[in-house]
PDB file of N, CA and C in Angstrom:
ATOM      1  N   ALA A   1     -15.692   6.432   5.363  1.00  0.00           N
ATOM      2  CA  ALA A   1     -16.637   6.338   6.445  1.00  0.00           C
ATOM      3  C   ALA A   1     -17.183   4.915   6.576  1.00  0.00           C
ATOM      4  N   LEU A   2     -17.599   4.318   5.449  1.00  0.00           N
ATOM      5  CA  LEU A   2     -18.117   2.943   5.447  1.00  0.00           C
ATOM      6  C   LEU A   2     -17.480   2.178   4.284  1.00  0.00           C
ATOM      7  N   PRO A   3     -16.219   1.784   4.414  1.00  0.00           N
ATOM      8  CA  PRO A   3     -15.483   1.218   3.276  1.00  0.00           C
ATOM      9  C   PRO A   3     -16.050  -0.083   2.696  1.00  0.00           C
ATOM     10  N   GLU A   4     -16.753  -0.864   3.475  1.00  0.00           N
ATOM     11  CA  GLU A   4     -17.273  -2.148   2.977  1.00  0.00           C
ATOM     12  C   GLU A   4     -18.738  -2.076   2.565  1.00  0.00           C
ATOM     13  N   LYS A   5     -19.373  -0.935   2.729  1.00  0.00           N
ATOM     14  CA  LYS A   5     -20.795  -0.783   2.428  1.00  0.00           C
ATOM     15  C   LYS A   5     -20.997  -0.463   0.947  1.00  0.00           C
ATOM     16  N   VAL A   6     -21.962  -1.110   0.326  1.00  0.00           N
ATOM     17  CA  VAL A   6     -22.309  -0.849  -1.069  1.00  0.00           C
ATOM     18  C   VAL A   6     -23.603  -0.051  -1.104  1.00  0.00           C
ATOM     19  N   PHE A   7     -23.577   1.061  -1.828  1.00  0.00           N
ATOM     20  CA  PHE A   7     -24.759   1.893  -2.022  1.00  0.00           C
ATOM     21  C   PHE A   7     -25.103   1.855  -3.509  1.00  0.00           C
ATOM     22  N   LYS A   8     -26.281   1.388  -3.839  1.00  0.00           N
ATOM     23  CA  LYS A   8     -26.703   1.340  -5.243  1.00  0.00           C
ATOM     24  C   LYS A   8     -27.314   2.677  -5.630  1.00  0.00           C
ATOM     25  N   ALA A   9     -27.041   3.089  -6.889  1.00  0.00           N
ATOM     26  CA  ALA A   9     -27.539   4.367  -7.380  1.00  0.00           C
ATOM     27  C   ALA A   9     -27.706   4.308  -8.891  1.00  0.00           C
ATOM     28  N   HIS A  10     -28.354   5.309  -9.433  1.00  0.00           N
ATOM     29  CA  HIS A  10     -28.524   5.447 -10.880  1.00  0.00           C
ATOM     30  C   HIS A  10     -27.938   6.793 -11.293  1.00  0.00           C
ATOM     31  N   ILE A  11     -27.091   6.778 -12.312  1.00  0.00           N
ATOM     32  CA  ILE A  11     -26.431   7.995 -12.775  1.00  0.00           C
ATOM     33  C   ILE A  11     -27.386   8.776 -13.666  1.00  0.00           C
ATOM     34  N   SER A  12     -27.510  10.075 -13.380  1.00  0.00           N
ATOM     35  CA  SER A  12     -28.381  10.923 -14.183  1.00  0.00           C
ATOM     36  C   SER A  12     -27.591  11.825 -15.127  1.00  0.00           C
ATOM     37  N   LYS A  13     -26.314  12.075 -14.825  1.00  0.00           N
ATOM     38  CA  LYS A  13     -25.506  12.935 -15.682  1.00  0.00           C
ATOM     39  C   LYS A  13     -24.035  12.607 -15.504  1.00  0.00           C
ATOM     40  N   VAL A  14     -23.300  12.567 -16.621  1.00  0.00           N
ATOM     41  CA  VAL A  14     -21.848  12.406 -16.602  1.00  0.00           C
ATOM     42  C   VAL A  14     -21.253  13.682 -17.178  1.00  0.00           C
ATOM     43  N   TYR A  15     -20.398  14.338 -16.417  1.00  0.00           N
ATOM     44  CA  TYR A  15     -19.749  15.549 -16.894  1.00  0.00           C
ATOM     45  C   TYR A  15     -18.549  15.150 -17.749  1.00  0.00           C
ATOM     46  N   PRO A  16     -18.426  15.694 -18.966  1.00  0.00           N
ATOM     47  CA  PRO A  16     -17.417  15.214 -19.925  1.00  0.00           C
ATOM     48  C   PRO A  16     -16.015  15.760 -19.716  1.00  0.00           C
ATOM     49  N   LEU A  17     -15.618  15.996 -18.485  1.00  0.00           N
ATOM     50  CA  LEU A  17     -14.278  16.500 -18.204  1.00  0.00           C
ATOM     51  C   LEU A  17     -13.522  15.472 -17.375  1.00  0.00           C
ATOM     52  N   LEU A  18     -12.486  14.890 -17.960  1.00  0.00           N
ATOM     53  CA  LEU A  18     -11.671  13.877 -17.279  1.00  0.00           C
ATOM     54  C   LEU A  18     -10.646  14.552 -16.389  1.00  0.00           C
ATOM     55  N   SER A  19     -10.581  14.127 -15.128  1.00  0.00           N
ATOM     56  CA  SER A  19      -9.509  14.565 -14.242  1.00  0.00           C
ATOM     57  C   SER A  19      -8.330  13.627 -14.491  1.00  0.00           C
ATOM     58  N   LYS A  20      -7.312  14.110 -15.205  1.00  0.00           N
ATOM     59  CA  LYS A  20      -6.174  13.259 -15.566  1.00  0.00           C
ATOM     60  C   LYS A  20      -5.386  12.799 -14.341  1.00  0.00           C
ATOM     61  N   VAL A  21      -5.325  13.645 -13.321  1.00  0.00           N
ATOM     62  CA  VAL A  21      -4.582  13.293 -12.110  1.00  0.00           C
ATOM     63  C   VAL A  21      -5.264  12.137 -11.388  1.00  0.00           C
ATOM     64  N   GLU A  22      -6.576  12.235 -11.225  1.00  0.00           N
ATOM     65  CA  GLU A  22      -7.315  11.214 -10.479  1.00  0.00           C
ATOM     66  C   GLU A  22      -7.901  10.128 -11.370  1.00  0.00           C
ATOM     67  N   GLN A  23      -7.800  10.299 -12.699  1.00  0.00           N
ATOM     68  CA  GLN A  23      -8.391   9.355 -13.646  1.00  0.00           C
ATOM     69  C   GLN A  23      -9.869   9.139 -13.323  1.00  0.00           C
ATOM     70  N   SER A  24     -10.619  10.249 -13.247  1.00  0.00           N
ATOM     71  CA  SER A  24     -12.015  10.148 -12.840  1.00  0.00           C
ATOM     72  C   SER A  24     -12.877  11.165 -13.583  1.00  0.00           C
ATOM     73  N   PHE A  25     -14.177  10.923 -13.553  1.00  0.00           N
ATOM     74  CA  PHE A  25     -15.183  11.825 -14.084  1.00  0.00           C
ATOM     75  C   PHE A  25     -16.120  12.210 -12.944  1.00  0.00           C
ATOM     76  N   ARG A  26     -16.705  13.381 -13.042  1.00  0.00           N
ATOM     77  CA  ARG A  26     -17.741  13.775 -12.089  1.00  0.00           C
ATOM     78  C   ARG A  26     -19.084  13.320 -12.650  1.00  0.00           C
ATOM     79  N   VAL A  27     -19.927  12.795 -11.787  1.00  0.00           N
ATOM     80  CA  VAL A  27     -21.269  12.386 -12.184  1.00  0.00           C
ATOM     81  C   VAL A  27     -22.276  12.847 -11.150  1.00  0.00           C
ATOM     82  N   ASP A  28     -23.522  12.972 -11.591  1.00  0.00           N
ATOM     83  CA  ASP A  28     -24.635  13.172 -10.670  1.00  0.00           C
ATOM     84  C   ASP A  28     -25.375  11.851 -10.607  1.00  0.00           C
ATOM     85  N   ALA A  29     -25.681  11.406  -9.397  1.00  0.00           N
ATOM     86  CA  ALA A  29     -26.362  10.123  -9.232  1.00  0.00           C
ATOM     87  C   ALA A  29     -27.424  10.234  -8.148  1.00  0.00           C
ATOM     88  N   GLN A  30     -28.459   9.447  -8.301  1.00  0.00           N
ATOM     89  CA  GLN A  30     -29.512   9.339  -7.302  1.00  0.00           C
ATOM     90  C   GLN A  30     -29.345   8.007  -6.594  1.00  0.00           C
ATOM     91  N   LEU A  31     -29.107   8.052  -5.290  1.00  0.00           N
ATOM     92  CA  LEU A  31     -28.964   6.831  -4.517  1.00  0.00           C
ATOM     93  C   LEU A  31     -30.313   6.130  -4.391  1.00  0.00           C
ATOM     94  N   ASP A  32     -30.304   4.809  -4.472  1.00  0.00           N
ATOM     95  CA  ASP A  32     -31.538   4.031  -4.369  1.00  0.00           C
ATOM     96  C   ASP A  32     -32.070   3.980  -2.942  1.00  0.00           C
ATOM     97  N   ASP A  33     -31.176   4.058  -1.960  1.00  0.00           N
ATOM     98  CA  ASP A  33     -31.568   3.970  -0.549  1.00  0.00           C
ATOM     99  C   ASP A  33     -31.061   5.194   0.203  1.00  0.00           C
ATOM    100  N   GLU A  34     -31.576   5.384   1.393  1.00  0.00           N
ATOM    101  CA  GLU A  34     -31.120   6.474   2.263  1.00  0.00           C
ATOM    102  C   GLU A  34     -29.680   6.207   2.695  1.00  0.00           C
ATOM    103  N   ILE A  35     -28.919   7.275   2.890  1.00  0.00           N
ATOM    104  CA  ILE A  35     -27.556   7.149   3.403  1.00  0.00           C
ATOM    105  C   ILE A  35     -27.500   7.784   4.785  1.00  0.00           C
ATOM    106  N   PRO A  36     -26.525   7.379   5.597  1.00  0.00           N
ATOM    107  CA  PRO A  36     -26.387   7.995   6.927  1.00  0.00           C
ATOM    108  C   PRO A  36     -26.143   9.501   6.798  1.00  0.00           C
ATOM    109  N   VAL A  37     -26.742  10.280   7.668  1.00  0.00           N
ATOM    110  CA  VAL A  37     -26.619  11.739   7.645  1.00  0.00           C
ATOM    111  C   VAL A  37     -25.157  12.160   7.696  1.00  0.00           C
ATOM    112  N   SER A  38     -24.314  11.403   8.393  1.00  0.00           N
ATOM    113  CA  SER A  38     -22.898  11.758   8.531  1.00  0.00           C
ATOM    114  C   SER A  38     -22.151  11.722   7.202  1.00  0.00           C
ATOM    115  N   MET A  39     -22.737  11.143   6.158  1.00  0.00           N
ATOM    116  CA  MET A  39     -22.058  11.024   4.867  1.00  0.00           C
ATOM    117  C   MET A  39     -22.398  12.161   3.909  1.00  0.00           C
ATOM    118  N   TYR A  40     -23.355  12.995   4.226  1.00  0.00           N
ATOM    119  CA  TYR A  40     -23.733  14.086   3.323  1.00  0.00           C
ATOM    120  C   TYR A  40     -22.558  15.018   3.082  1.00  0.00           C
ATOM    121  N   GLY A  41     -22.345  15.387   1.824  1.00  0.00           N
ATOM    122  CA  GLY A  41     -21.281  16.321   1.464  1.00  0.00           C
ATOM    123  C   GLY A  41     -19.933  15.678   1.224  1.00  0.00           C
ATOM    124  N   LEU A  42     -19.815  14.377   1.399  1.00  0.00           N
ATOM    125  CA  LEU A  42     -18.544  13.697   1.174  1.00  0.00           C
ATOM    126  C   LEU A  42     -18.390  13.288  -0.294  1.00  0.00           C
ATOM    127  N   ASN A  43     -17.154  13.200  -0.739  1.00  0.00           N
ATOM    128  CA  ASN A  43     -16.867  12.635  -2.059  1.00  0.00           C
ATOM    129  C   ASN A  43     -16.805  11.129  -1.917  1.00  0.00           C
ATOM    130  N   LEU A  44     -17.006  10.428  -3.025  1.00  0.00           N
ATOM    131  CA  LEU A  44     -16.918   8.982  -2.958  1.00  0.00           C
ATOM    132  C   LEU A  44     -16.313   8.417  -4.223  1.00  0.00           C
ATOM    133  N   GLU A  45     -15.895   7.193  -4.125  1.00  0.00           N
ATOM    134  CA  GLU A  45     -15.369   6.455  -5.271  1.00  0.00           C
ATOM    135  C   GLU A  45     -16.394   5.390  -5.610  1.00  0.00           C
ATOM    136  N   ALA A  46     -16.645   5.214  -6.914  1.00  0.00           N
ATOM    137  CA  ALA A  46     -17.670   4.252  -7.319  1.00  0.00           C
ATOM    138  C   ALA A  46     -17.217   3.434  -8.519  1.00  0.00           C
ATOM    139  N   ASN A  47     -17.688   2.217  -8.566  1.00  0.00           N
ATOM    140  CA  ASN A  47     -17.540   1.385  -9.757  1.00  0.00           C
ATOM    141  C   ASN A  47     -18.879   1.429 -10.473  1.00  0.00           C
ATOM    142  N   VAL A  48     -18.855   1.812 -11.738  1.00  0.00           N
ATOM    143  CA  VAL A  48     -20.085   1.980 -12.496  1.00  0.00           C
ATOM    144  C   VAL A  48     -20.259   0.803 -13.444  1.00  0.00           C
ATOM    145  N   VAL A  49     -21.378   0.121 -13.315  1.00  0.00           N
ATOM    146  CA  VAL A  49     -21.692  -1.003 -14.203  1.00  0.00           C
ATOM    147  C   VAL A  49     -22.442  -0.431 -15.398  1.00  0.00           C
ATOM    148  N   VAL A  50     -21.832  -0.539 -16.586  1.00  0.00           N
ATOM    149  CA  VAL A  50     -22.478  -0.013 -17.789  1.00  0.00           C
ATOM    150  C   VAL A  50     -23.258  -1.088 -18.529  1.00  0.00           C
ATOM    151  N   ALA A  51     -22.936  -2.346 -18.270  1.00  0.00           N
ATOM    152  CA  ALA A  51     -23.668  -3.460 -18.881  1.00  0.00           C
ATOM    153  C   ALA A  51     -23.393  -4.709 -18.064  1.00  0.00           C
ATOM    154  N   ASP A  52     -24.363  -5.579 -18.016  1.00  0.00           N
ATOM    155  CA  ASP A  52     -24.211  -6.843 -17.313  1.00  0.00           C
ATOM    156  C   ASP A  52     -24.745  -7.932 -18.232  1.00  0.00           C
ATOM    157  N   LYS A  53     -23.833  -8.537 -18.975  1.00  0.00           N
ATOM    158  CA  LYS A  53     -24.234  -9.552 -19.948  1.00  0.00           C
ATOM    159  C   LYS A  53     -23.700 -10.907 -19.515  1.00  0.00           C
ATOM    160  N   LYS A  54     -24.451 -11.936 -19.804  1.00  0.00           N
ATOM    161  CA  LYS A  54     -24.070 -13.302 -19.460  1.00  0.00           C
ATOM    162  C   LYS A  54     -23.810 -14.089 -20.744  1.00  0.00           C
ATOM    163  N   ASN A  55     -22.926 -15.064 -20.661  1.00  0.00           N
ATOM    164  CA  ASN A  55     -22.649 -15.985 -21.771  1.00  0.00           C
ATOM    165  C   ASN A  55     -22.322 -15.273 -23.075  1.00  0.00           C
ATOM    166  N   VAL A  56     -21.339 -14.383 -23.032  1.00  0.00           N
ATOM    167  CA  VAL A  56     -20.916 -13.681 -24.234  1.00  0.00           C
ATOM    168  C   VAL A  56     -19.574 -14.232 -24.702  1.00  0.00           C
ATOM    169  N   LEU A  57     -19.269 -14.027 -25.967  1.00  0.00           N
ATOM    170  CA  LEU A  57     -17.973 -14.387 -26.505  1.00  0.00           C
ATOM    171  C   LEU A  57     -17.031 -13.226 -26.216  1.00  0.00           C
ATOM    172  N   ALA A  58     -15.977 -13.474 -25.463  1.00  0.00           N
ATOM    173  CA  ALA A  58     -15.041 -12.417 -25.079  1.00  0.00           C
ATOM    174  C   ALA A  58     -13.611 -12.886 -25.311  1.00  0.00           C
ATOM    175  N   ILE A  59     -12.755 -11.922 -25.627  1.00  0.00           N
ATOM    176  CA  ILE A  59     -11.330 -12.206 -25.833  1.00  0.00           C
ATOM    177  C   ILE A  59     -10.521 -11.204 -25.014  1.00  0.00           C
ATOM    178  N   PRO A  60      -9.255 -11.529 -24.719  1.00  0.00           N
ATOM    179  CA  PRO A  60      -8.405 -10.556 -24.020  1.00  0.00           C
ATOM    180  C   PRO A  60      -8.198  -9.316 -24.888  1.00  0.00           C
ATOM    181  N   ARG A  61      -8.243  -8.142 -24.288  1.00  0.00           N
ATOM    182  CA  ARG A  61      -7.986  -6.905 -25.049  1.00  0.00           C
ATOM    183  C   ARG A  61      -6.613  -6.926 -25.692  1.00  0.00           C
ATOM    184  N   ALA A  62      -5.687  -7.633 -25.074  1.00  0.00           N
ATOM    185  CA  ALA A  62      -4.323  -7.696 -25.604  1.00  0.00           C
ATOM    186  C   ALA A  62      -4.286  -8.319 -27.001  1.00  0.00           C
ATOM    187  N   ALA A  63      -5.320  -9.066 -27.375  1.00  0.00           N
ATOM    188  CA  ALA A  63      -5.355  -9.691 -28.695  1.00  0.00           C
ATOM    189  C   ALA A  63      -5.785  -8.717 -29.795  1.00  0.00           C
ATOM    190  N   LEU A  64      -6.385  -7.597 -29.416  1.00  0.00           N
ATOM    191  CA  LEU A  64      -6.917  -6.642 -30.392  1.00  0.00           C
ATOM    192  C   LEU A  64      -5.804  -5.821 -31.022  1.00  0.00           C
ATOM    193  N   MET A  65      -5.875  -5.673 -32.342  1.00  0.00           N
ATOM    194  CA  MET A  65      -4.905  -4.863 -33.084  1.00  0.00           C
ATOM    195  C   MET A  65      -5.633  -3.672 -33.696  1.00  0.00           C
ATOM    196  N   LYS A  66      -4.866  -2.785 -34.333  1.00  0.00           N
ATOM    197  CA  LYS A  66      -5.471  -1.638 -35.005  1.00  0.00           C
ATOM    198  C   LYS A  66      -6.497  -2.113 -36.012  1.00  0.00           C
ATOM    199  N   GLY A  67      -7.541  -1.319 -36.172  1.00  0.00           N
ATOM    200  CA  GLY A  67      -8.578  -1.673 -37.124  1.00  0.00           C
ATOM    201  C   GLY A  67      -9.525  -2.734 -36.611  1.00  0.00           C
ATOM    202  N   ASP A  68      -9.556  -2.925 -35.288  1.00  0.00           N
ATOM    203  CA  ASP A  68     -10.434  -3.928 -34.672  1.00  0.00           C
ATOM    204  C   ASP A  68     -10.239  -5.307 -35.297  1.00  0.00           C
ATOM    205  N   SER A  69      -8.989  -5.715 -35.396  1.00  0.00           N
ATOM    206  CA  SER A  69      -8.643  -7.023 -35.959  1.00  0.00           C
ATOM    207  C   SER A  69      -7.914  -7.871 -34.932  1.00  0.00           C
ATOM    208  N   VAL A  70      -7.942  -9.180 -35.154  1.00  0.00           N
ATOM    209  CA  VAL A  70      -7.197 -10.125 -34.324  1.00  0.00           C
ATOM    210  C   VAL A  70      -6.567 -11.169 -35.227  1.00  0.00           C
ATOM    211  N   TRP A  71      -5.502 -11.791 -34.724  1.00  0.00           N
ATOM    212  CA  TRP A  71      -4.906 -12.921 -35.429  1.00  0.00           C
ATOM    213  C   TRP A  71      -5.579 -14.196 -34.938  1.00  0.00           C
ATOM    214  N   VAL A  72      -5.925 -15.076 -35.877  1.00  0.00           N
ATOM    215  CA  VAL A  72      -6.490 -16.375 -35.524  1.00  0.00           C
ATOM    216  C   VAL A  72      -5.718 -17.468 -36.242  1.00  0.00           C
ATOM    217  N   LYS A  73      -5.795 -18.647 -35.670  1.00  0.00           N
ATOM    218  CA  LYS A  73      -5.201 -19.816 -36.311  1.00  0.00           C
ATOM    219  C   LYS A  73      -6.325 -20.520 -37.061  1.00  0.00           C
ATOM    220  N   GLU A  74      -6.148 -20.652 -38.383  1.00  0.00           N
ATOM    221  CA  GLU A  74      -7.181 -21.250 -39.217  1.00  0.00           C
ATOM    222  C   GLU A  74      -6.532 -22.226 -40.188  1.00  0.00           C
ATOM    223  N   ASN A  75      -6.879 -23.513 -40.076  1.00  0.00           N
ATOM    224  CA  ASN A  75      -6.299 -24.567 -40.914  1.00  0.00           C
ATOM    225  C   ASN A  75      -4.771 -24.567 -40.853  1.00  0.00           C
ATOM    226  N   GLY A  76      -4.226 -24.319 -39.677  1.00  0.00           N
ATOM    227  CA  GLY A  76      -2.780 -24.338 -39.489  1.00  0.00           C
ATOM    228  C   GLY A  76      -2.086 -23.050 -39.881  1.00  0.00           C
ATOM    229  N   ASP A  77      -2.808 -22.106 -40.451  1.00  0.00           N
ATOM    230  CA  ASP A  77      -2.225 -20.832 -40.879  1.00  0.00           C
ATOM    231  C   ASP A  77      -2.661 -19.705 -39.950  1.00  0.00           C
ATOM    232  N   LYS A  78      -1.870 -18.651 -39.953  1.00  0.00           N
ATOM    233  CA  LYS A  78      -2.179 -17.448 -39.187  1.00  0.00           C
ATOM    234  C   LYS A  78      -2.929 -16.487 -40.114  1.00  0.00           C
ATOM    235  N   LYS A  79      -4.113 -16.021 -39.668  1.00  0.00           N
ATOM    236  CA  LYS A  79      -4.951 -15.174 -40.512  1.00  0.00           C
ATOM    237  C   LYS A  79      -5.473 -13.993 -39.697  1.00  0.00           C
ATOM    238  N   LYS A  80      -5.467 -12.814 -40.313  1.00  0.00           N
ATOM    239  CA  LYS A  80      -5.971 -11.609 -39.653  1.00  0.00           C
ATOM    240  C   LYS A  80      -7.475 -11.484 -39.938  1.00  0.00           C
ATOM    241  N   ILE A  81      -8.274 -11.338 -38.869  1.00  0.00           N
ATOM    242  CA  ILE A  81      -9.729 -11.270 -38.985  1.00  0.00           C
ATOM    243  C   ILE A  81     -10.224  -9.970 -38.361  1.00  0.00           C
ATOM    244  N   LYS A  82     -11.104  -9.263 -39.042  1.00  0.00           N
ATOM    245  CA  LYS A  82     -11.738  -8.069 -38.477  1.00  0.00           C
ATOM    246  C   LYS A  82     -12.921  -8.531 -37.627  1.00  0.00           C
ATOM    247  N   ILE A  83     -13.043  -7.926 -36.449  1.00  0.00           N
ATOM    248  CA  ILE A  83     -14.132  -8.302 -35.551  1.00  0.00           C
ATOM    249  C   ILE A  83     -15.037  -7.105 -35.291  1.00  0.00           C
ATOM    250  N   LYS A  84     -16.220  -7.380 -34.776  1.00  0.00           N
ATOM    251  CA  LYS A  84     -17.126  -6.330 -34.318  1.00  0.00           C
ATOM    252  C   LYS A  84     -17.125  -6.388 -32.803  1.00  0.00           C
ATOM    253  N   LYS A  85     -16.728  -5.258 -32.171  1.00  0.00           N
ATOM    254  CA  LYS A  85     -16.605  -5.195 -30.716  1.00  0.00           C
ATOM    255  C   LYS A  85     -17.922  -4.831 -30.065  1.00  0.00           C
ATOM    256  N   GLY A  86     -18.068  -5.306 -28.825  1.00  0.00           N
ATOM    257  CA  GLY A  86     -19.194  -4.933 -27.983  1.00  0.00           C
ATOM    258  C   GLY A  86     -18.666  -4.221 -26.756  1.00  0.00           C
ATOM    259  N   VAL A  87     -19.176  -4.579 -25.606  1.00  0.00           N
ATOM    260  CA  VAL A  87     -18.764  -3.987 -24.330  1.00  0.00           C
ATOM    261  C   VAL A  87     -17.330  -4.404 -24.027  1.00  0.00           C
ATOM    262  N   GLU A  88     -16.555  -3.485 -23.444  1.00  0.00           N
ATOM    263  CA  GLU A  88     -15.170  -3.814 -23.099  1.00  0.00           C
ATOM    264  C   GLU A  88     -14.765  -3.129 -21.811  1.00  0.00           C
ATOM    265  N   ASP A  89     -13.745  -3.714 -21.167  1.00  0.00           N
ATOM    266  CA  ASP A  89     -13.141  -3.083 -20.005  1.00  0.00           C
ATOM    267  C   ASP A  89     -11.641  -3.077 -20.210  1.00  0.00           C
ATOM    268  N   ASP A  90     -10.869  -2.903 -19.142  1.00  0.00           N
ATOM    269  CA  ASP A  90      -9.413  -2.840 -19.282  1.00  0.00           C
ATOM    270  C   ASP A  90      -8.785  -4.160 -19.692  1.00  0.00           C
ATOM    271  N   THR A  91      -9.465  -5.269 -19.463  1.00  0.00           N
ATOM    272  CA  THR A  91      -8.876  -6.586 -19.677  1.00  0.00           C
ATOM    273  C   THR A  91      -9.539  -7.382 -20.801  1.00  0.00           C
ATOM    274  N   TRP A  92     -10.857  -7.313 -20.901  1.00  0.00           N
ATOM    275  CA  TRP A  92     -11.616  -8.140 -21.842  1.00  0.00           C
ATOM    276  C   TRP A  92     -12.472  -7.296 -22.764  1.00  0.00           C
ATOM    277  N   LEU A  93     -12.806  -7.868 -23.943  1.00  0.00           N
ATOM    278  CA  LEU A  93     -13.767  -7.220 -24.806  1.00  0.00           C
ATOM    279  C   LEU A  93     -14.705  -8.253 -25.398  1.00  0.00           C
ATOM    280  N   GLU A  94     -15.954  -7.854 -25.516  1.00  0.00           N
ATOM    281  CA  GLU A  94     -16.990  -8.714 -26.077  1.00  0.00           C
ATOM    282  C   GLU A  94     -16.869  -8.703 -27.597  1.00  0.00           C
ATOM    283  N   VAL A  95     -17.033  -9.872 -28.207  1.00  0.00           N
ATOM    284  CA  VAL A  95     -16.989  -9.997 -29.664  1.00  0.00           C
ATOM    285  C   VAL A  95     -18.404 -10.254 -30.169  1.00  0.00           C
ATOM    286  N   LEU A  96     -18.919  -9.314 -30.974  1.00  0.00           N
ATOM    287  CA  LEU A  96     -20.267  -9.437 -31.520  1.00  0.00           C
ATOM    288  C   LEU A  96     -20.276 -10.083 -32.898  1.00  0.00           C
ATOM    289  N   GLY A  97     -19.123 -10.079 -33.565  1.00  0.00           N
ATOM    290  CA  GLY A  97     -19.057 -10.673 -34.895  1.00  0.00           C
ATOM    291  C   GLY A  97     -17.628 -10.875 -35.352  1.00  0.00           C
ATOM    292  N   GLY A  98     -17.444 -11.819 -36.282  1.00  0.00           N
ATOM    293  CA  GLY A  98     -16.121 -12.092 -36.849  1.00  0.00           C
ATOM    294  C   GLY A  98     -15.460 -13.332 -36.289  1.00  0.00           C
ATOM    295  N   LEU A  99     -15.816 -13.724 -35.070  1.00  0.00           N
ATOM    296  CA  LEU A  99     -15.260 -14.927 -34.444  1.00  0.00           C
ATOM    297  C   LEU A  99     -16.399 -15.823 -33.970  1.00  0.00           C
ATOM    298  N   THR A 100     -16.055 -17.088 -33.762  1.00  0.00           N
ATOM    299  CA  THR A 100     -16.996 -18.029 -33.165  1.00  0.00           C
ATOM    300  C   THR A 100     -16.348 -18.623 -31.919  1.00  0.00           C
ATOM    301  N   GLU A 101     -17.099 -19.415 -31.181  1.00  0.00           N
ATOM    302  CA  GLU A 101     -16.561 -20.060 -29.983  1.00  0.00           C
ATOM    303  C   GLU A 101     -15.395 -20.982 -30.316  1.00  0.00           C
ATOM    304  N   SER A 102     -15.350 -21.493 -31.538  1.00  0.00           N
ATOM    305  CA  SER A 102     -14.282 -22.417 -31.919  1.00  0.00           C
ATOM    306  C   SER A 102     -13.061 -21.708 -32.511  1.00  0.00           C
ATOM    307  N   SER A 103     -13.121 -20.386 -32.691  1.00  0.00           N
ATOM    308  CA  SER A 103     -11.978 -19.640 -33.214  1.00  0.00           C
ATOM    309  C   SER A 103     -10.812 -19.712 -32.239  1.00  0.00           C
ATOM    310  N   VAL A 104      -9.615 -19.872 -32.765  1.00  0.00           N
ATOM    311  CA  VAL A 104      -8.400 -19.893 -31.942  1.00  0.00           C
ATOM    312  C   VAL A 104      -7.683 -18.559 -32.149  1.00  0.00           C
ATOM    313  N   VAL A 105      -7.755 -17.695 -31.136  1.00  0.00           N
ATOM    314  CA  VAL A 105      -7.164 -16.349 -31.208  1.00  0.00           C
ATOM    315  C   VAL A 105      -5.709 -16.448 -30.770  1.00  0.00           C
ATOM    316  N   ILE A 106      -4.829 -15.790 -31.536  1.00  0.00           N
ATOM    317  CA  ILE A 106      -3.401 -15.782 -31.241  1.00  0.00           C
ATOM    318  C   ILE A 106      -3.049 -14.477 -30.546  1.00  0.00           C
ATOM    319  N   LEU A 107      -2.404 -14.574 -29.379  1.00  0.00           N
ATOM    320  CA  LEU A 107      -1.937 -13.397 -28.666  1.00  0.00           C
ATOM    321  C   LEU A 107      -0.504 -13.111 -29.084  1.00  0.00           C
ATOM    322  N   GLU A 108      -0.263 -11.934 -29.629  1.00  0.00           N
ATOM    323  CA  GLU A 108       1.085 -11.534 -30.018  1.00  0.00           C
ATOM    324  C   GLU A 108       1.843 -11.071 -28.782  1.00  0.00           C
ATOM    325  N   LYS A 109       3.126 -11.383 -28.706  1.00  0.00           N
ATOM    326  CA  LYS A 109       3.936 -10.945 -27.561  1.00  0.00           C
ATOM    327  C   LYS A 109       4.917  -9.906 -27.984  1.00  0.00           C
TER     328      LYS A 109
END
């Protein structure tokens, strides 16, 4: 109905049943603003922001191995380091511990 319009809302409940076909969850949300009457009763697609952090240390998810470890280059050698993960999405993950800004993470191919 309004493909370019953004409606802000707050989620009050997430139902724990994943629709595997649609890759979605059902949620109950309260919209922050009024919506057009013509939209009542319609389904919608939403992007849910679970955290909004600035200036964090993040690495590509592709660098993560089992056991929350990554390979780093240290003094010319390859070394496996365990990290503490924070917020993550499909592409990136926040690193809360185990690495520094100067760490050189090795991506395995």
